[in-house]
Amino acid sequence: MLKNIRVWLHRNQAFLRIVLYSYFLLLTWLLLRGNSQIDNISIKIISTFYNDKVIHTTVFFILFILGRFAYLHKKPIIFLILFSLYGILIEILQEFMKLGRTFEYFDILADFIGCLLGLLIARLIIGFR
């Protein structure tokens, strides 16, 4: 089964790149937009079921997986560094844009953990390269 997944990944790199860039743009917009009253209500509802750090870990896990699968020929450490720096940049921008979001070190840690989990899963699926 893993062989079939690997073949599919190699054949669909262009599609995966489109998904990666779309996800990246959506993620950037979601992480940088200001809080509104509707957002505060939805955040309260979501926070009762999920921890904010779990959400950060999950979205960066998906980002890493998409990046790794969209560019199979690149070394995975590149994505680990790139997406970790992206998480740091997002946190800095959230603090300085003054849109109701704040800088949190634990968000950066959660982003990095998501990338590490993505690295582990990608290695299981496509092997150690």
N, C-alpha and C. Protein backbone atom coordinates (compact mmCIF):
# COMPACT_ATOMS: atom_id res chain seq x y z
N MET A 1 0.82 -1.19 0.00
CA MET A 1 0.00 0.00 0.00
C MET A 1 0.87 1.27 0.00
N LEU A 2 1.95 1.26 0.78
CA LEU A 2 2.82 2.44 0.80
C LEU A 2 3.43 2.70 -0.57
N LYS A 3 3.67 1.64 -1.32
CA LYS A 3 4.22 1.82 -2.66
C LYS A 3 3.21 2.57 -3.54
N ASN A 4 1.94 2.23 -3.42
CA ASN A 4 0.89 2.93 -4.17
C ASN A 4 0.81 4.40 -3.78
N ILE A 5 0.97 4.68 -2.50
CA ILE A 5 0.95 6.07 -2.04
C ILE A 5 2.13 6.83 -2.62
N ARG A 6 3.31 6.20 -2.58
CA ARG A 6 4.51 6.85 -3.13
C ARG A 6 4.36 7.15 -4.61
N VAL A 7 3.81 6.21 -5.36
CA VAL A 7 3.59 6.41 -6.80
C VAL A 7 2.62 7.56 -7.01
N TRP A 8 1.54 7.59 -6.24
CA TRP A 8 0.56 8.67 -6.36
C TRP A 8 1.20 10.03 -6.06
N LEU A 9 2.02 10.08 -5.02
CA LEU A 9 2.69 11.33 -4.65
C LEU A 9 3.59 11.82 -5.77
N HIS A 10 4.33 10.92 -6.38
CA HIS A 10 5.22 11.31 -7.48
C HIS A 10 4.44 11.81 -8.69
N ARG A 11 3.31 11.20 -8.96
CA ARG A 11 2.51 11.58 -10.13
C ARG A 11 1.73 12.88 -9.93
N ASN A 12 1.48 13.25 -8.70
CA ASN A 12 0.60 14.39 -8.42
C ASN A 12 1.31 15.54 -7.74
N GLN A 13 2.57 15.72 -8.00
CA GLN A 13 3.33 16.80 -7.35
C GLN A 13 2.79 18.18 -7.72
N ALA A 14 2.41 18.39 -8.96
CA ALA A 14 1.88 19.70 -9.36
C ALA A 14 0.59 20.02 -8.61
N PHE A 15 -0.30 19.05 -8.50
CA PHE A 15 -1.54 19.22 -7.76
C PHE A 15 -1.25 19.51 -6.29
N LEU A 16 -0.32 18.78 -5.69
CA LEU A 16 0.02 18.97 -4.29
C LEU A 16 0.62 20.35 -4.04
N ARG A 17 1.34 20.87 -5.01
CA ARG A 17 1.91 22.22 -4.86
C ARG A 17 0.81 23.28 -4.85
N ILE A 18 -0.20 23.09 -5.69
CA ILE A 18 -1.34 24.01 -5.69
C ILE A 18 -2.06 23.96 -4.34
N VAL A 19 -2.26 22.76 -3.83
CA VAL A 19 -2.90 22.60 -2.52
C VAL A 19 -2.03 23.25 -1.43
N LEU A 20 -0.72 23.04 -1.49
CA LEU A 20 0.19 23.62 -0.51
C LEU A 20 0.11 25.14 -0.50
N TYR A 21 0.20 25.76 -1.67
CA TYR A 21 0.17 27.22 -1.73
C TYR A 21 -1.18 27.78 -1.31
N SER A 22 -2.25 27.10 -1.67
CA SER A 22 -3.59 27.53 -1.25
C SER A 22 -3.73 27.43 0.27
N TYR A 23 -3.27 26.32 0.83
CA TYR A 23 -3.32 26.12 2.28
C TYR A 23 -2.48 27.17 2.99
N PHE A 24 -1.30 27.45 2.44
CA PHE A 24 -0.40 28.44 3.02
C PHE A 24 -1.06 29.83 3.06
N LEU A 25 -1.68 30.22 1.97
CA LEU A 25 -2.36 31.52 1.92
C LEU A 25 -3.54 31.57 2.90
N LEU A 26 -4.34 30.53 2.94
CA LEU A 26 -5.47 30.46 3.87
C LEU A 26 -4.98 30.50 5.31
N LEU A 27 -3.95 29.74 5.61
CA LEU A 27 -3.41 29.70 6.96
C LEU A 27 -2.87 31.07 7.38
N THR A 28 -2.16 31.73 6.49
CA THR A 28 -1.63 33.06 6.79
C THR A 28 -2.77 34.04 7.08
N TRP A 29 -3.79 34.01 6.25
CA TRP A 29 -4.94 34.89 6.47
C TRP A 29 -5.61 34.60 7.81
N LEU A 30 -5.83 33.33 8.12
CA LEU A 30 -6.50 32.97 9.37
C LEU A 30 -5.67 33.36 10.59
N LEU A 31 -4.36 33.20 10.50
CA LEU A 31 -3.51 33.49 11.64
C LEU A 31 -3.26 34.98 11.86
N LEU A 32 -3.45 35.79 10.83
CA LEU A 32 -3.16 37.21 10.95
C LEU A 32 -4.40 38.11 11.03
N ARG A 33 -5.57 37.57 10.78
CA ARG A 33 -6.76 38.43 10.80
C ARG A 33 -7.11 38.78 12.24
N GLY A 34 -7.79 39.89 12.38
CA GLY A 34 -8.16 40.37 13.70
C GLY A 34 -9.32 39.58 14.28
N ASN A 35 -9.45 39.67 15.58
CA ASN A 35 -10.57 39.02 16.26
C ASN A 35 -11.80 39.91 16.18
N SER A 36 -12.92 39.32 15.86
CA SER A 36 -14.19 40.04 15.91
C SER A 36 -15.06 39.37 16.96
N GLN A 37 -16.23 39.91 17.20
CA GLN A 37 -17.10 39.30 18.19
C GLN A 37 -17.54 37.91 17.76
N ILE A 38 -17.74 37.72 16.47
CA ILE A 38 -18.11 36.38 15.99
C ILE A 38 -16.96 35.42 16.23
N ASP A 39 -15.73 35.90 15.97
CA ASP A 39 -14.56 35.06 16.22
C ASP A 39 -14.46 34.69 17.69
N ASN A 40 -14.73 35.65 18.57
CA ASN A 40 -14.64 35.38 20.01
C ASN A 40 -15.64 34.31 20.43
N ILE A 41 -16.83 34.35 19.86
CA ILE A 41 -17.83 33.31 20.16
C ILE A 41 -17.35 31.97 19.64
N SER A 42 -16.86 31.93 18.38
CA SER A 42 -16.41 30.66 17.82
C SER A 42 -15.18 30.15 18.55
N ILE A 43 -14.30 31.06 18.99
CA ILE A 43 -13.12 30.63 19.74
C ILE A 43 -13.53 30.02 21.07
N LYS A 44 -14.52 30.60 21.74
CA LYS A 44 -15.00 30.03 23.01
C LYS A 44 -15.58 28.64 22.79
N ILE A 45 -16.32 28.48 21.70
CA ILE A 45 -16.90 27.16 21.40
C ILE A 45 -15.80 26.16 21.08
N ILE A 46 -14.87 26.56 20.22
CA ILE A 46 -13.78 25.67 19.84
C ILE A 46 -12.90 25.34 21.04
N SER A 47 -12.60 26.33 21.87
CA SER A 47 -11.69 26.10 22.99
C SER A 47 -12.28 25.15 24.03
N THR A 48 -13.60 24.99 24.04
CA THR A 48 -14.17 24.02 24.96
C THR A 48 -13.90 22.60 24.50
N PHE A 49 -13.68 22.41 23.21
CA PHE A 49 -13.42 21.07 22.67
C PHE A 49 -11.95 20.84 22.34
N TYR A 50 -11.24 21.88 22.00
CA TYR A 50 -9.85 21.76 21.57
C TYR A 50 -8.99 22.80 22.26
N ASN A 51 -7.78 22.42 22.50
CA ASN A 51 -6.80 23.35 23.04
C ASN A 51 -6.20 24.11 21.87
N ASP A 52 -5.93 25.40 22.04
CA ASP A 52 -5.32 26.22 21.00
C ASP A 52 -4.01 25.63 20.51
N LYS A 53 -3.25 25.03 21.40
CA LYS A 53 -1.95 24.46 21.02
C LYS A 53 -2.14 23.21 20.15
N VAL A 54 -3.19 22.48 20.38
CA VAL A 54 -3.50 21.32 19.53
C VAL A 54 -3.82 21.78 18.12
N ILE A 55 -4.54 22.89 18.02
CA ILE A 55 -4.87 23.45 16.71
C ILE A 55 -3.60 23.89 16.00
N HIS A 56 -2.71 24.61 16.71
CA HIS A 56 -1.44 25.02 16.11
C HIS A 56 -0.64 23.81 15.64
N THR A 57 -0.55 22.80 16.48
CA THR A 57 0.20 21.60 16.12
C THR A 57 -0.39 20.95 14.88
N THR A 58 -1.69 20.86 14.82
CA THR A 58 -2.36 20.21 13.70
C THR A 58 -2.17 20.97 12.39
N VAL A 59 -2.34 22.29 12.42
CA VAL A 59 -2.23 23.04 11.16
C VAL A 59 -0.79 23.04 10.65
N PHE A 60 0.20 23.04 11.54
CA PHE A 60 1.59 22.99 11.09
C PHE A 60 1.99 21.57 10.70
N PHE A 61 1.37 20.57 11.28
CA PHE A 61 1.56 19.19 10.82
C PHE A 61 1.10 19.06 9.37
N ILE A 62 -0.09 19.57 9.09
CA ILE A 62 -0.63 19.52 7.72
C ILE A 62 0.25 20.33 6.77
N LEU A 63 0.69 21.51 7.20
CA LEU A 63 1.56 22.33 6.37
C LEU A 63 2.85 21.58 6.03
N PHE A 64 3.46 20.95 7.01
CA PHE A 64 4.70 20.22 6.76
C PHE A 64 4.46 19.05 5.81
N ILE A 65 3.42 18.28 6.06
CA ILE A 65 3.11 17.12 5.20
C ILE A 65 2.89 17.58 3.76
N LEU A 66 2.12 18.63 3.57
CA LEU A 66 1.88 19.14 2.21
C LEU A 66 3.18 19.60 1.56
N GLY A 67 4.00 20.31 2.31
CA GLY A 67 5.28 20.77 1.76
C GLY A 67 6.19 19.62 1.40
N ARG A 68 6.28 18.66 2.27
CA ARG A 68 7.16 17.51 2.03
C ARG A 68 6.68 16.68 0.84
N PHE A 69 5.39 16.48 0.74
CA PHE A 69 4.85 15.66 -0.36
C PHE A 69 4.84 16.42 -1.68
N ALA A 70 4.73 17.73 -1.62
CA ALA A 70 4.72 18.52 -2.85
C ALA A 70 6.12 18.65 -3.45
N TYR A 71 7.14 18.50 -2.62
CA TYR A 71 8.53 18.62 -3.07
C TYR A 71 9.34 17.43 -2.55
N LEU A 72 9.10 16.27 -3.12
CA LEU A 72 9.75 15.05 -2.66
C LEU A 72 11.27 15.09 -2.82
N HIS A 73 11.76 15.84 -3.78
CA HIS A 73 13.19 15.86 -4.04
C HIS A 73 13.96 16.78 -3.09
N LYS A 74 13.27 17.59 -2.31
CA LYS A 74 13.92 18.49 -1.35
C LYS A 74 14.20 17.76 -0.04
N LYS A 75 15.22 18.20 0.65
CA LYS A 75 15.54 17.62 1.96
C LYS A 75 14.52 18.07 2.99
N PRO A 76 14.07 17.16 3.86
CA PRO A 76 13.03 17.51 4.83
C PRO A 76 13.46 18.58 5.83
N ILE A 77 14.74 18.68 6.11
CA ILE A 77 15.21 19.69 7.06
C ILE A 77 14.89 21.10 6.57
N ILE A 78 14.85 21.27 5.26
CA ILE A 78 14.50 22.58 4.68
C ILE A 78 13.09 22.99 5.12
N PHE A 79 12.17 22.05 5.05
CA PHE A 79 10.78 22.35 5.44
C PHE A 79 10.67 22.56 6.94
N LEU A 80 11.42 21.79 7.71
CA LEU A 80 11.40 21.96 9.16
C LEU A 80 11.85 23.37 9.54
N ILE A 81 12.94 23.81 8.95
CA ILE A 81 13.45 25.16 9.24
C ILE A 81 12.51 26.23 8.69
N LEU A 82 12.11 26.09 7.44
CA LEU A 82 11.27 27.09 6.78
C LEU A 82 9.94 27.29 7.51
N PHE A 83 9.26 26.21 7.82
CA PHE A 83 7.94 26.33 8.45
C PHE A 83 8.05 26.73 9.92
N SER A 84 9.15 26.37 10.58
CA SER A 84 9.36 26.84 11.95
C SER A 84 9.59 28.35 11.97
N LEU A 85 10.38 28.84 11.02
CA LEU A 85 10.59 30.28 10.91
C LEU A 85 9.29 31.00 10.55
N TYR A 86 8.48 30.37 9.72
CA TYR A 86 7.17 30.93 9.38
C TYR A 86 6.30 31.06 10.64
N GLY A 87 6.32 30.06 11.49
CA GLY A 87 5.55 30.11 12.74
C GLY A 87 6.02 31.24 13.64
N ILE A 88 7.35 31.44 13.71
CA ILE A 88 7.90 32.54 14.51
C ILE A 88 7.47 33.88 13.92
N LEU A 89 7.58 34.01 12.61
CA LEU A 89 7.19 35.26 11.93
C LEU A 89 5.72 35.57 12.17
N ILE A 90 4.86 34.59 12.08
CA ILE A 90 3.43 34.80 12.32
C ILE A 90 3.20 35.32 13.73
N GLU A 91 3.87 34.74 14.70
CA GLU A 91 3.70 35.19 16.08
C GLU A 91 4.18 36.63 16.25
N ILE A 92 5.29 36.99 15.64
CA ILE A 92 5.79 38.36 15.72
C ILE A 92 4.80 39.32 15.07
N LEU A 93 4.30 38.95 13.90
CA LEU A 93 3.33 39.81 13.21
C LEU A 93 2.04 39.96 14.01
N GLN A 94 1.60 38.88 14.65
CA GLN A 94 0.38 38.96 15.47
C GLN A 94 0.56 39.99 16.59
N GLU A 95 1.74 40.05 17.16
CA GLU A 95 2.00 40.99 18.25
C GLU A 95 2.01 42.43 17.76
N PHE A 96 2.67 42.67 16.64
CA PHE A 96 2.87 44.05 16.17
C PHE A 96 1.73 44.60 15.33
N MET A 97 0.86 43.75 14.82
CA MET A 97 -0.25 44.24 14.01
C MET A 97 -1.39 44.78 14.88
N LYS A 98 -1.42 44.45 16.14
CA LYS A 98 -2.42 44.97 17.10
C LYS A 98 -3.85 44.72 16.63
N LEU A 99 -4.11 43.48 16.20
CA LEU A 99 -5.46 43.13 15.76
C LEU A 99 -6.16 42.18 16.74
N GLY A 100 -5.70 42.19 17.97
CA GLY A 100 -6.33 41.34 18.97
C GLY A 100 -5.65 40.01 19.18
N ARG A 101 -4.56 39.78 18.49
CA ARG A 101 -3.80 38.55 18.66
C ARG A 101 -2.49 38.90 19.34
N THR A 102 -1.91 37.94 20.05
CA THR A 102 -0.69 38.20 20.80
C THR A 102 0.38 37.15 20.52
N PHE A 103 1.61 37.53 20.78
CA PHE A 103 2.77 36.65 20.65
C PHE A 103 2.75 35.64 21.80
N GLU A 104 2.94 34.36 21.47
CA GLU A 104 3.00 33.32 22.51
C GLU A 104 4.11 32.34 22.16
N TYR A 105 5.02 32.15 23.11
CA TYR A 105 6.12 31.20 22.90
C TYR A 105 5.59 29.78 22.72
N PHE A 106 4.53 29.45 23.45
CA PHE A 106 4.00 28.09 23.36
C PHE A 106 3.35 27.82 22.00
N ASP A 107 2.87 28.86 21.33
CA ASP A 107 2.37 28.68 19.97
C ASP A 107 3.52 28.30 19.03
N ILE A 108 4.67 28.94 19.21
CA ILE A 108 5.84 28.61 18.41
C ILE A 108 6.26 27.17 18.67
N LEU A 109 6.25 26.77 19.94
CA LEU A 109 6.60 25.40 20.29
C LEU A 109 5.61 24.41 19.67
N ALA A 110 4.33 24.73 19.73
CA ALA A 110 3.31 23.87 19.14
C ALA A 110 3.48 23.77 17.63
N ASP A 111 3.83 24.88 16.99
CA ASP A 111 4.08 24.87 15.54
C ASP A 111 5.25 23.94 15.22
N PHE A 112 6.32 24.04 15.99
CA PHE A 112 7.50 23.21 15.78
C PHE A 112 7.19 21.74 16.01
N ILE A 113 6.43 21.44 17.03
CA ILE A 113 6.04 20.05 17.31
C ILE A 113 5.20 19.50 16.16
N GLY A 114 4.31 20.33 15.61
CA GLY A 114 3.53 19.90 14.44
C GLY A 114 4.43 19.56 13.27
N CYS A 115 5.44 20.39 13.05
CA CYS A 115 6.40 20.11 11.97
C CYS A 115 7.18 18.82 12.23
N LEU A 116 7.59 18.60 13.48
CA LEU A 116 8.32 17.37 13.82
C LEU A 116 7.44 16.13 13.61
N LEU A 117 6.19 16.22 14.01
CA LEU A 117 5.26 15.10 13.78
C LEU A 117 5.08 14.86 12.28
N GLY A 118 4.98 15.94 11.51
CA GLY A 118 4.89 15.82 10.06
C GLY A 118 6.12 15.14 9.48
N LEU A 119 7.29 15.50 9.99
CA LEU A 119 8.53 14.88 9.55
C LEU A 119 8.52 13.38 9.81
N LEU A 120 8.08 12.98 11.00
CA LEU A 120 8.04 11.56 11.34
C LEU A 120 7.06 10.79 10.45
N ILE A 121 5.88 11.34 10.26
CA ILE A 121 4.88 10.65 9.43
C ILE A 121 5.32 10.60 7.97
N ALA A 122 5.88 11.69 7.47
CA ALA A 122 6.36 11.71 6.08
C ALA A 122 7.45 10.67 5.89
N ARG A 123 8.33 10.53 6.86
CA ARG A 123 9.40 9.52 6.76
C ARG A 123 8.83 8.11 6.75
N LEU A 124 7.78 7.89 7.51
CA LEU A 124 7.14 6.57 7.50
C LEU A 124 6.53 6.26 6.15
N ILE A 125 5.97 7.28 5.51
CA ILE A 125 5.27 7.08 4.24
C ILE A 125 6.24 7.02 3.06
N ILE A 126 7.16 7.97 2.98
CA ILE A 126 8.03 8.01 1.79
C ILE A 126 9.43 7.50 2.05
N GLY A 127 9.74 7.15 3.27
CA GLY A 127 11.05 6.61 3.59
C GLY A 127 12.03 7.69 4.02
N PHE A 128 13.19 7.24 4.41
CA PHE A 128 14.24 8.15 4.88
C PHE A 128 15.09 8.60 3.73
N ARG A 129 14.97 9.87 3.36
CA ARG A 129 15.76 10.42 2.27
C ARG A 129 16.44 11.67 2.72
